[in-house]
Amino acid sequence: MAKENAELKPVPVRRRSASRVSSIQILYQSQITDRASVDFAPDYLTHYAPDVSKSFRVKDLDHEHLNALYTGVEKEMVLLDEDIADSLASGWSIKRLPLIELTLLRCGAYELRFMPHIPARAVVSEYAAISDACGCEVAFVNAVLDRLSRIVRTVEMGTA
């Protein structure tokens, strides 16, 4: 899977940002409705994606990144939850996290683990910014993803 995702083409930052927000929304909705994200995605793309694109002032989402992200998160959810749990501060458990925050962390964790062509610091920064828009605790999201980046990207983050 990582090799496949590493071949994604460079795209403007805002298109990728819009895709990240859309992935979070698709995954969140699939969790609360108990539908697979792949089943929910067509409805989302029809009814909601145009508004996200408009908000980010882009013609369209980065569909390759969007598809890789929401399908990958769903496929690797158990591993991602372990990564997140291992990156939480002492005394915290993944069960305490609000679903929107967990969904956002899963997306960030997926990019850190499976999309090495995207710089770790960019991933952490982007999801911290998105977390603010989602009403999540920015410092918490930043700390968890930064801790995880130092575990899964040891060479890049200088922790090897």
N, C-alpha and C. Protein backbone atom coordinates (compact mmCIF):
# COMPACT_ATOMS: atom_id res chain seq x y z
N MET A 1 0.83 -1.19 0.00
CA MET A 1 0.00 0.00 0.00
C MET A 1 0.86 1.25 0.00
N ALA A 2 1.93 1.29 0.78
CA ALA A 2 2.76 2.48 0.86
C ALA A 2 3.38 2.80 -0.50
N LYS A 3 3.80 1.77 -1.25
CA LYS A 3 4.38 1.99 -2.56
C LYS A 3 3.36 2.62 -3.49
N GLU A 4 2.15 2.10 -3.45
CA GLU A 4 1.07 2.63 -4.29
C GLU A 4 0.82 4.10 -3.98
N ASN A 5 0.74 4.47 -2.71
CA ASN A 5 0.48 5.85 -2.32
C ASN A 5 1.66 6.77 -2.61
N ALA A 6 2.86 6.24 -2.62
CA ALA A 6 4.04 7.04 -2.86
C ALA A 6 4.08 7.57 -4.30
N GLU A 7 3.27 7.00 -5.18
CA GLU A 7 3.24 7.40 -6.57
C GLU A 7 2.22 8.50 -6.85
N LEU A 8 1.58 9.04 -5.83
CA LEU A 8 0.62 10.11 -6.03
C LEU A 8 1.34 11.33 -6.58
N LYS A 9 0.68 12.04 -7.48
CA LYS A 9 1.27 13.20 -8.13
C LYS A 9 1.24 14.43 -7.21
N PRO A 10 2.20 15.35 -7.36
CA PRO A 10 2.15 16.59 -6.60
C PRO A 10 0.91 17.40 -6.99
N VAL A 11 0.28 18.00 -6.02
CA VAL A 11 -0.90 18.82 -6.27
C VAL A 11 -0.80 20.09 -5.42
N PRO A 12 -1.56 21.10 -5.79
CA PRO A 12 -1.57 22.31 -4.95
C PRO A 12 -2.00 21.98 -3.53
N VAL A 13 -1.42 22.66 -2.58
CA VAL A 13 -1.64 22.40 -1.16
C VAL A 13 -3.12 22.49 -0.78
N ARG A 14 -3.82 23.48 -1.28
CA ARG A 14 -5.23 23.64 -0.91
C ARG A 14 -6.09 22.48 -1.38
N ARG A 15 -5.78 21.90 -2.52
CA ARG A 15 -6.54 20.72 -2.99
C ARG A 15 -6.34 19.55 -2.03
N ARG A 16 -5.11 19.37 -1.59
CA ARG A 16 -4.85 18.28 -0.65
C ARG A 16 -5.51 18.57 0.70
N SER A 17 -5.48 19.82 1.13
CA SER A 17 -6.14 20.20 2.39
C SER A 17 -7.64 19.92 2.31
N ALA A 18 -8.25 20.28 1.20
CA ALA A 18 -9.68 20.02 1.01
C ALA A 18 -9.95 18.52 1.04
N SER A 19 -9.05 17.74 0.50
CA SER A 19 -9.20 16.28 0.52
C SER A 19 -9.07 15.72 1.92
N ARG A 20 -8.20 16.30 2.71
CA ARG A 20 -8.06 15.86 4.10
C ARG A 20 -9.34 16.13 4.89
N VAL A 21 -9.87 17.32 4.75
CA VAL A 21 -11.12 17.66 5.43
C VAL A 21 -12.23 16.72 4.97
N SER A 22 -12.30 16.47 3.68
CA SER A 22 -13.33 15.58 3.14
C SER A 22 -13.16 14.16 3.65
N SER A 23 -11.94 13.69 3.75
CA SER A 23 -11.69 12.34 4.28
C SER A 23 -12.17 12.23 5.73
N ILE A 24 -11.87 13.25 6.51
CA ILE A 24 -12.31 13.25 7.91
C ILE A 24 -13.83 13.20 7.96
N GLN A 25 -14.49 13.99 7.13
CA GLN A 25 -15.95 14.01 7.13
C GLN A 25 -16.53 12.68 6.67
N ILE A 26 -15.96 12.08 5.64
CA ILE A 26 -16.44 10.79 5.15
C ILE A 26 -16.27 9.72 6.23
N LEU A 27 -15.11 9.67 6.83
CA LEU A 27 -14.85 8.66 7.86
C LEU A 27 -15.71 8.87 9.11
N TYR A 28 -15.87 10.11 9.50
CA TYR A 28 -16.72 10.43 10.66
C TYR A 28 -18.16 9.99 10.38
N GLN A 29 -18.66 10.36 9.23
CA GLN A 29 -20.04 10.00 8.87
C GLN A 29 -20.20 8.49 8.78
N SER A 30 -19.21 7.81 8.24
CA SER A 30 -19.32 6.35 8.13
C SER A 30 -19.35 5.70 9.52
N GLN A 31 -18.61 6.29 10.47
CA GLN A 31 -18.61 5.77 11.83
C GLN A 31 -19.95 5.97 12.53
N ILE A 32 -20.53 7.16 12.38
CA ILE A 32 -21.78 7.42 13.10
C ILE A 32 -22.99 6.77 12.44
N THR A 33 -22.88 6.44 11.15
CA THR A 33 -24.00 5.78 10.46
C THR A 33 -23.78 4.28 10.31
N ASP A 34 -22.60 3.80 10.70
CA ASP A 34 -22.24 2.39 10.57
C ASP A 34 -22.29 1.92 9.12
N ARG A 35 -21.88 2.80 8.21
CA ARG A 35 -21.75 2.46 6.79
C ARG A 35 -20.28 2.49 6.44
N ALA A 36 -19.87 1.63 5.52
CA ALA A 36 -18.49 1.67 5.05
C ALA A 36 -18.24 3.00 4.35
N SER A 37 -17.06 3.54 4.52
CA SER A 37 -16.76 4.83 3.91
C SER A 37 -16.89 4.78 2.40
N VAL A 38 -16.53 3.67 1.79
CA VAL A 38 -16.63 3.55 0.34
C VAL A 38 -18.09 3.61 -0.12
N ASP A 39 -19.01 3.22 0.74
CA ASP A 39 -20.44 3.31 0.42
C ASP A 39 -20.96 4.73 0.62
N PHE A 40 -20.40 5.45 1.57
CA PHE A 40 -20.85 6.80 1.86
C PHE A 40 -20.21 7.84 0.94
N ALA A 41 -19.01 7.57 0.46
CA ALA A 41 -18.25 8.55 -0.31
C ALA A 41 -18.99 9.11 -1.52
N PRO A 42 -19.67 8.30 -2.34
CA PRO A 42 -20.37 8.89 -3.50
C PRO A 42 -21.41 9.94 -3.10
N ASP A 43 -22.17 9.68 -2.02
CA ASP A 43 -23.13 10.67 -1.54
C ASP A 43 -22.41 11.94 -1.10
N TYR A 44 -21.32 11.76 -0.39
CA TYR A 44 -20.55 12.91 0.08
C TYR A 44 -20.04 13.74 -1.10
N LEU A 45 -19.46 13.05 -2.07
CA LEU A 45 -18.89 13.76 -3.22
C LEU A 45 -19.96 14.52 -4.00
N THR A 46 -21.15 13.98 -4.04
CA THR A 46 -22.25 14.64 -4.75
C THR A 46 -22.78 15.84 -3.98
N HIS A 47 -22.99 15.67 -2.68
CA HIS A 47 -23.71 16.68 -1.91
C HIS A 47 -22.85 17.65 -1.11
N TYR A 48 -21.66 17.25 -0.70
CA TYR A 48 -20.87 18.07 0.21
C TYR A 48 -19.52 18.53 -0.35
N ALA A 49 -18.90 17.73 -1.18
CA ALA A 49 -17.57 18.07 -1.70
C ALA A 49 -17.54 19.41 -2.43
N PRO A 50 -18.58 19.77 -3.19
CA PRO A 50 -18.53 21.08 -3.85
C PRO A 50 -18.40 22.24 -2.85
N ASP A 51 -19.05 22.13 -1.69
CA ASP A 51 -18.93 23.18 -0.67
C ASP A 51 -17.53 23.23 -0.08
N VAL A 52 -16.93 22.06 0.12
CA VAL A 52 -15.56 22.02 0.64
C VAL A 52 -14.60 22.65 -0.37
N SER A 53 -14.76 22.27 -1.63
CA SER A 53 -13.91 22.85 -2.68
C SER A 53 -14.05 24.37 -2.72
N LYS A 54 -15.28 24.83 -2.62
CA LYS A 54 -15.53 26.27 -2.63
C LYS A 54 -14.87 26.95 -1.43
N SER A 55 -14.96 26.32 -0.26
CA SER A 55 -14.35 26.88 0.95
C SER A 55 -12.84 27.02 0.82
N PHE A 56 -12.23 26.07 0.12
CA PHE A 56 -10.77 26.10 -0.06
C PHE A 56 -10.36 26.84 -1.33
N ARG A 57 -11.35 27.36 -2.06
CA ARG A 57 -11.11 28.09 -3.30
C ARG A 57 -10.31 27.25 -4.30
N VAL A 58 -10.77 26.00 -4.48
CA VAL A 58 -10.16 25.12 -5.48
C VAL A 58 -11.26 24.59 -6.39
N LYS A 59 -10.86 24.25 -7.60
CA LYS A 59 -11.83 23.75 -8.57
C LYS A 59 -12.34 22.38 -8.16
N ASP A 60 -11.45 21.55 -7.61
CA ASP A 60 -11.83 20.19 -7.24
C ASP A 60 -10.87 19.69 -6.17
N LEU A 61 -11.30 18.62 -5.51
CA LEU A 61 -10.45 17.96 -4.51
C LEU A 61 -9.34 17.18 -5.20
N ASP A 62 -8.34 16.82 -4.45
CA ASP A 62 -7.32 15.88 -4.91
C ASP A 62 -7.92 14.49 -4.67
N HIS A 63 -8.60 13.96 -5.67
CA HIS A 63 -9.34 12.71 -5.51
C HIS A 63 -8.44 11.51 -5.23
N GLU A 64 -7.23 11.51 -5.78
CA GLU A 64 -6.31 10.40 -5.49
C GLU A 64 -5.96 10.36 -4.00
N HIS A 65 -5.66 11.53 -3.46
CA HIS A 65 -5.32 11.60 -2.04
C HIS A 65 -6.54 11.26 -1.18
N LEU A 66 -7.67 11.82 -1.54
CA LEU A 66 -8.92 11.55 -0.82
C LEU A 66 -9.21 10.06 -0.76
N ASN A 67 -9.20 9.40 -1.90
CA ASN A 67 -9.50 7.97 -1.95
C ASN A 67 -8.48 7.14 -1.17
N ALA A 68 -7.21 7.46 -1.36
CA ALA A 68 -6.16 6.73 -0.65
C ALA A 68 -6.31 6.90 0.87
N LEU A 69 -6.68 8.10 1.29
CA LEU A 69 -6.76 8.40 2.71
C LEU A 69 -7.95 7.71 3.38
N TYR A 70 -9.16 7.90 2.87
CA TYR A 70 -10.30 7.31 3.59
C TYR A 70 -10.34 5.79 3.46
N THR A 71 -9.93 5.24 2.32
CA THR A 71 -9.92 3.77 2.22
C THR A 71 -8.79 3.18 3.05
N GLY A 72 -7.65 3.86 3.06
CA GLY A 72 -6.51 3.38 3.85
C GLY A 72 -6.78 3.43 5.33
N VAL A 73 -7.38 4.52 5.81
CA VAL A 73 -7.70 4.63 7.24
C VAL A 73 -8.66 3.51 7.64
N GLU A 74 -9.66 3.30 6.83
CA GLU A 74 -10.63 2.25 7.17
C GLU A 74 -9.96 0.87 7.20
N LYS A 75 -9.10 0.62 6.24
CA LYS A 75 -8.40 -0.68 6.15
C LYS A 75 -7.42 -0.88 7.31
N GLU A 76 -6.73 0.18 7.71
CA GLU A 76 -5.67 0.08 8.72
C GLU A 76 -6.09 0.60 10.09
N MET A 77 -7.38 0.67 10.36
CA MET A 77 -7.88 1.31 11.58
C MET A 77 -7.31 0.69 12.87
N VAL A 78 -7.19 -0.61 12.92
CA VAL A 78 -6.68 -1.26 14.14
C VAL A 78 -5.23 -0.82 14.41
N LEU A 79 -4.39 -0.84 13.39
CA LEU A 79 -3.01 -0.41 13.54
C LEU A 79 -2.93 1.08 13.90
N LEU A 80 -3.74 1.89 13.24
CA LEU A 80 -3.74 3.33 13.51
C LEU A 80 -4.17 3.62 14.94
N ASP A 81 -5.18 2.90 15.42
CA ASP A 81 -5.63 3.09 16.81
C ASP A 81 -4.53 2.69 17.79
N GLU A 82 -3.77 1.65 17.46
CA GLU A 82 -2.63 1.27 18.31
C GLU A 82 -1.58 2.37 18.31
N ASP A 83 -1.29 2.92 17.13
CA ASP A 83 -0.32 4.01 17.02
C ASP A 83 -0.76 5.21 17.86
N ILE A 84 -2.03 5.55 17.75
CA ILE A 84 -2.56 6.70 18.49
C ILE A 84 -2.50 6.42 19.99
N ALA A 85 -2.94 5.24 20.40
CA ALA A 85 -2.92 4.88 21.82
C ALA A 85 -1.50 4.95 22.38
N ASP A 86 -0.52 4.50 21.59
CA ASP A 86 0.88 4.53 22.03
C ASP A 86 1.43 5.95 22.10
N SER A 87 0.77 6.89 21.44
CA SER A 87 1.24 8.27 21.40
C SER A 87 0.52 9.18 22.39
N LEU A 88 -0.44 8.63 23.10
CA LEU A 88 -1.18 9.43 24.09
C LEU A 88 -0.36 9.57 25.37
N ALA A 89 -0.58 10.64 26.07
CA ALA A 89 0.09 10.87 27.35
C ALA A 89 -0.40 9.83 28.36
N SER A 90 0.41 9.59 29.35
CA SER A 90 0.06 8.65 30.41
C SER A 90 -1.28 9.03 31.03
N GLY A 91 -2.11 8.04 31.27
CA GLY A 91 -3.41 8.28 31.87
C GLY A 91 -4.51 8.49 30.85
N TRP A 92 -4.16 8.63 29.58
CA TRP A 92 -5.16 8.80 28.53
C TRP A 92 -5.40 7.47 27.84
N SER A 93 -6.63 7.27 27.41
CA SER A 93 -6.93 6.09 26.59
C SER A 93 -7.68 6.56 25.36
N ILE A 94 -7.59 5.78 24.33
CA ILE A 94 -8.24 6.12 23.06
C ILE A 94 -9.76 6.20 23.23
N LYS A 95 -10.29 5.50 24.21
CA LYS A 95 -11.74 5.50 24.44
C LYS A 95 -12.25 6.84 24.96
N ARG A 96 -11.34 7.66 25.49
CA ARG A 96 -11.73 8.98 26.00
C ARG A 96 -11.86 10.03 24.91
N LEU A 97 -11.36 9.72 23.72
CA LEU A 97 -11.33 10.72 22.65
C LEU A 97 -12.70 10.87 21.98
N PRO A 98 -13.12 12.10 21.74
CA PRO A 98 -14.34 12.31 20.95
C PRO A 98 -14.13 11.73 19.54
N LEU A 99 -15.18 11.24 18.93
CA LEU A 99 -15.07 10.58 17.63
C LEU A 99 -14.46 11.48 16.56
N ILE A 100 -14.78 12.76 16.54
CA ILE A 100 -14.22 13.64 15.51
C ILE A 100 -12.71 13.77 15.70
N GLU A 101 -12.27 13.87 16.95
CA GLU A 101 -10.83 13.98 17.22
C GLU A 101 -10.12 12.67 16.85
N LEU A 102 -10.73 11.55 17.19
CA LEU A 102 -10.15 10.25 16.85
C LEU A 102 -10.06 10.09 15.33
N THR A 103 -11.09 10.50 14.63
CA THR A 103 -11.10 10.40 13.17
C THR A 103 -9.99 11.25 12.57
N LEU A 104 -9.84 12.45 13.06
CA LEU A 104 -8.79 13.34 12.59
C LEU A 104 -7.40 12.75 12.88
N LEU A 105 -7.21 12.21 14.07
CA LEU A 105 -5.94 11.59 14.43
C LEU A 105 -5.64 10.37 13.56
N ARG A 106 -6.68 9.61 13.26
CA ARG A 106 -6.49 8.44 12.38
C ARG A 106 -5.99 8.87 11.01
N CYS A 107 -6.57 9.93 10.47
CA CYS A 107 -6.12 10.41 9.16
C CYS A 107 -4.67 10.88 9.21
N GLY A 108 -4.34 11.66 10.23
CA GLY A 108 -2.96 12.12 10.38
C GLY A 108 -2.00 10.96 10.58
N ALA A 109 -2.40 10.00 11.39
CA ALA A 109 -1.56 8.82 11.64
C ALA A 109 -1.36 8.01 10.36
N TYR A 110 -2.40 7.91 9.55
CA TYR A 110 -2.28 7.18 8.29
C TYR A 110 -1.26 7.86 7.38
N GLU A 111 -1.35 9.17 7.26
CA GLU A 111 -0.39 9.87 6.40
C GLU A 111 1.03 9.71 6.93
N LEU A 112 1.20 9.79 8.23
CA LEU A 112 2.54 9.63 8.80
C LEU A 112 3.10 8.24 8.54
N ARG A 113 2.27 7.23 8.68
CA ARG A 113 2.74 5.85 8.55
C ARG A 113 2.84 5.39 7.10
N PHE A 114 1.90 5.76 6.26
CA PHE A 114 1.79 5.17 4.93
C PHE A 114 2.04 6.12 3.77
N MET A 115 2.29 7.38 4.02
CA MET A 115 2.54 8.34 2.94
C MET A 115 3.86 9.07 3.19
N PRO A 116 4.96 8.35 3.11
CA PRO A 116 6.26 8.95 3.44
C PRO A 116 6.70 10.06 2.49
N HIS A 117 6.04 10.19 1.35
CA HIS A 117 6.38 11.26 0.41
C HIS A 117 5.88 12.62 0.89
N ILE A 118 5.03 12.64 1.91
CA ILE A 118 4.55 13.90 2.48
C ILE A 118 5.36 14.16 3.75
N PRO A 119 6.02 15.30 3.86
CA PRO A 119 6.86 15.57 5.04
C PRO A 119 6.06 15.49 6.35
N ALA A 120 6.65 14.86 7.34
CA ALA A 120 5.98 14.66 8.63
C ALA A 120 5.56 15.98 9.26
N ARG A 121 6.44 16.97 9.22
CA ARG A 121 6.09 18.25 9.84
C ARG A 121 4.90 18.91 9.13
N ALA A 122 4.79 18.71 7.83
CA ALA A 122 3.64 19.24 7.09
C ALA A 122 2.36 18.52 7.51
N VAL A 123 2.44 17.22 7.71
CA VAL A 123 1.27 16.45 8.14
C VAL A 123 0.81 16.94 9.52
N VAL A 124 1.74 17.04 10.44
CA VAL A 124 1.40 17.47 11.81
C VAL A 124 0.80 18.87 11.79
N SER A 125 1.43 19.77 11.08
CA SER A 125 0.95 21.15 11.01
C SER A 125 -0.43 21.24 10.37
N GLU A 126 -0.62 20.51 9.29
CA GLU A 126 -1.90 20.55 8.58
C GLU A 126 -3.05 20.02 9.45
N TYR A 127 -2.83 18.90 10.11
CA TYR A 127 -3.90 18.34 10.94
C TYR A 127 -4.14 19.17 12.20
N ALA A 128 -3.12 19.84 12.70
CA ALA A 128 -3.34 20.76 13.82
C ALA A 128 -4.24 21.91 13.37
N ALA A 129 -4.00 22.43 12.17
CA ALA A 129 -4.83 23.51 11.64
C ALA A 129 -6.26 23.03 11.39
N ILE A 130 -6.40 21.84 10.84
CA ILE A 130 -7.73 21.29 10.58
C ILE A 130 -8.46 21.03 11.90
N SER A 131 -7.72 20.61 12.92
CA SER A 131 -8.35 20.31 14.20
C SER A 131 -9.02 21.55 14.79
N ASP A 132 -8.43 22.70 14.58
CA ASP A 132 -9.03 23.94 15.05
C ASP A 132 -10.38 24.17 14.37
N ALA A 133 -10.43 23.94 13.07
CA ALA A 133 -11.67 24.12 12.32
C ALA A 133 -12.74 23.11 12.72
N CYS A 134 -12.30 21.95 13.21
CA CYS A 134 -13.24 20.88 13.62
C CYS A 134 -13.66 21.02 15.08
N GLY A 135 -13.13 22.01 15.78
CA GLY A 135 -13.47 22.20 17.18
C GLY A 135 -12.72 21.27 18.12
N CYS A 136 -11.62 20.73 17.64
CA CYS A 136 -10.80 19.84 18.47
C CYS A 136 -9.74 20.66 19.19
N GLU A 137 -9.12 20.05 20.17
CA GLU A 137 -8.06 20.70 20.93
C GLU A 137 -6.77 20.68 20.11
N VAL A 138 -6.37 21.83 19.58
CA VAL A 138 -5.23 21.94 18.67
C VAL A 138 -3.94 21.44 19.30
N ALA A 139 -3.64 21.88 20.52
CA ALA A 139 -2.39 21.49 21.18
C ALA A 139 -2.34 19.98 21.39
N PHE A 140 -3.48 19.38 21.72
CA PHE A 140 -3.54 17.93 21.93
C PHE A 140 -3.25 17.19 20.62
N VAL A 141 -3.93 17.56 19.56
CA VAL A 141 -3.74 16.92 18.26
C VAL A 141 -2.29 17.09 17.81
N ASN A 142 -1.77 18.29 17.95
CA ASN A 142 -0.38 18.55 17.58
C ASN A 142 0.58 17.66 18.37
N ALA A 143 0.36 17.55 19.67
CA ALA A 143 1.25 16.75 20.53
C ALA A 143 1.20 15.26 20.16
N VAL A 144 0.01 14.74 19.95
CA VAL A 144 -0.14 13.31 19.62
C VAL A 144 0.52 13.00 18.28
N LEU A 145 0.23 13.81 17.27
CA LEU A 145 0.81 13.54 15.95
C LEU A 145 2.32 13.80 15.93
N ASP A 146 2.78 14.79 16.68
CA ASP A 146 4.22 15.02 16.76
C ASP A 146 4.92 13.82 17.41
N ARG A 147 4.34 13.33 18.49
CA ARG A 147 4.90 12.15 19.17
C ARG A 147 4.93 10.95 18.22
N LEU A 148 3.83 10.75 17.50
CA LEU A 148 3.76 9.63 16.55
C LEU A 148 4.76 9.81 15.42
N SER A 149 4.92 11.02 14.93
CA SER A 149 5.88 11.25 13.84
C SER A 149 7.29 10.88 14.27
N ARG A 150 7.61 11.09 15.53
CA ARG A 150 8.94 10.76 16.04
C ARG A 150 9.13 9.25 16.20
N ILE A 151 8.03 8.51 16.23
CA ILE A 151 8.08 7.05 16.32
C ILE A 151 8.15 6.42 14.94
N VAL A 152 7.29 6.86 14.02
CA VAL A 152 7.21 6.21 12.72
C VAL A 152 8.10 6.84 11.65
N ARG A 153 8.63 8.02 11.90
CA ARG A 153 9.52 8.69 10.95
C ARG A 153 10.83 9.06 11.64
N THR A 154 11.46 8.10 12.25
CA THR A 154 12.64 8.35 13.08
C THR A 154 13.76 9.06 12.32
N VAL A 155 14.03 8.64 11.11
CA VAL A 155 15.12 9.26 10.35
C VAL A 155 14.76 10.71 10.00
N GLU A 156 13.58 10.90 9.47
CA GLU A 156 13.15 12.24 9.06
C GLU A 156 13.09 13.21 10.25
N MET A 157 12.63 12.72 11.39
CA MET A 157 12.46 13.57 12.56
C MET A 157 13.70 13.63 13.43
N GLY A 158 14.76 12.93 13.03
CA GLY A 158 16.02 12.98 13.76
C GLY A 158 16.01 12.26 15.09
N THR A 159 15.13 11.25 15.21
CA THR A 159 15.05 10.50 16.46
C THR A 159 15.61 9.09 16.33
N ALA A 160 16.32 8.85 15.22
CA ALA A 160 16.88 7.50 15.00
C ALA A 160 18.14 7.31 15.79
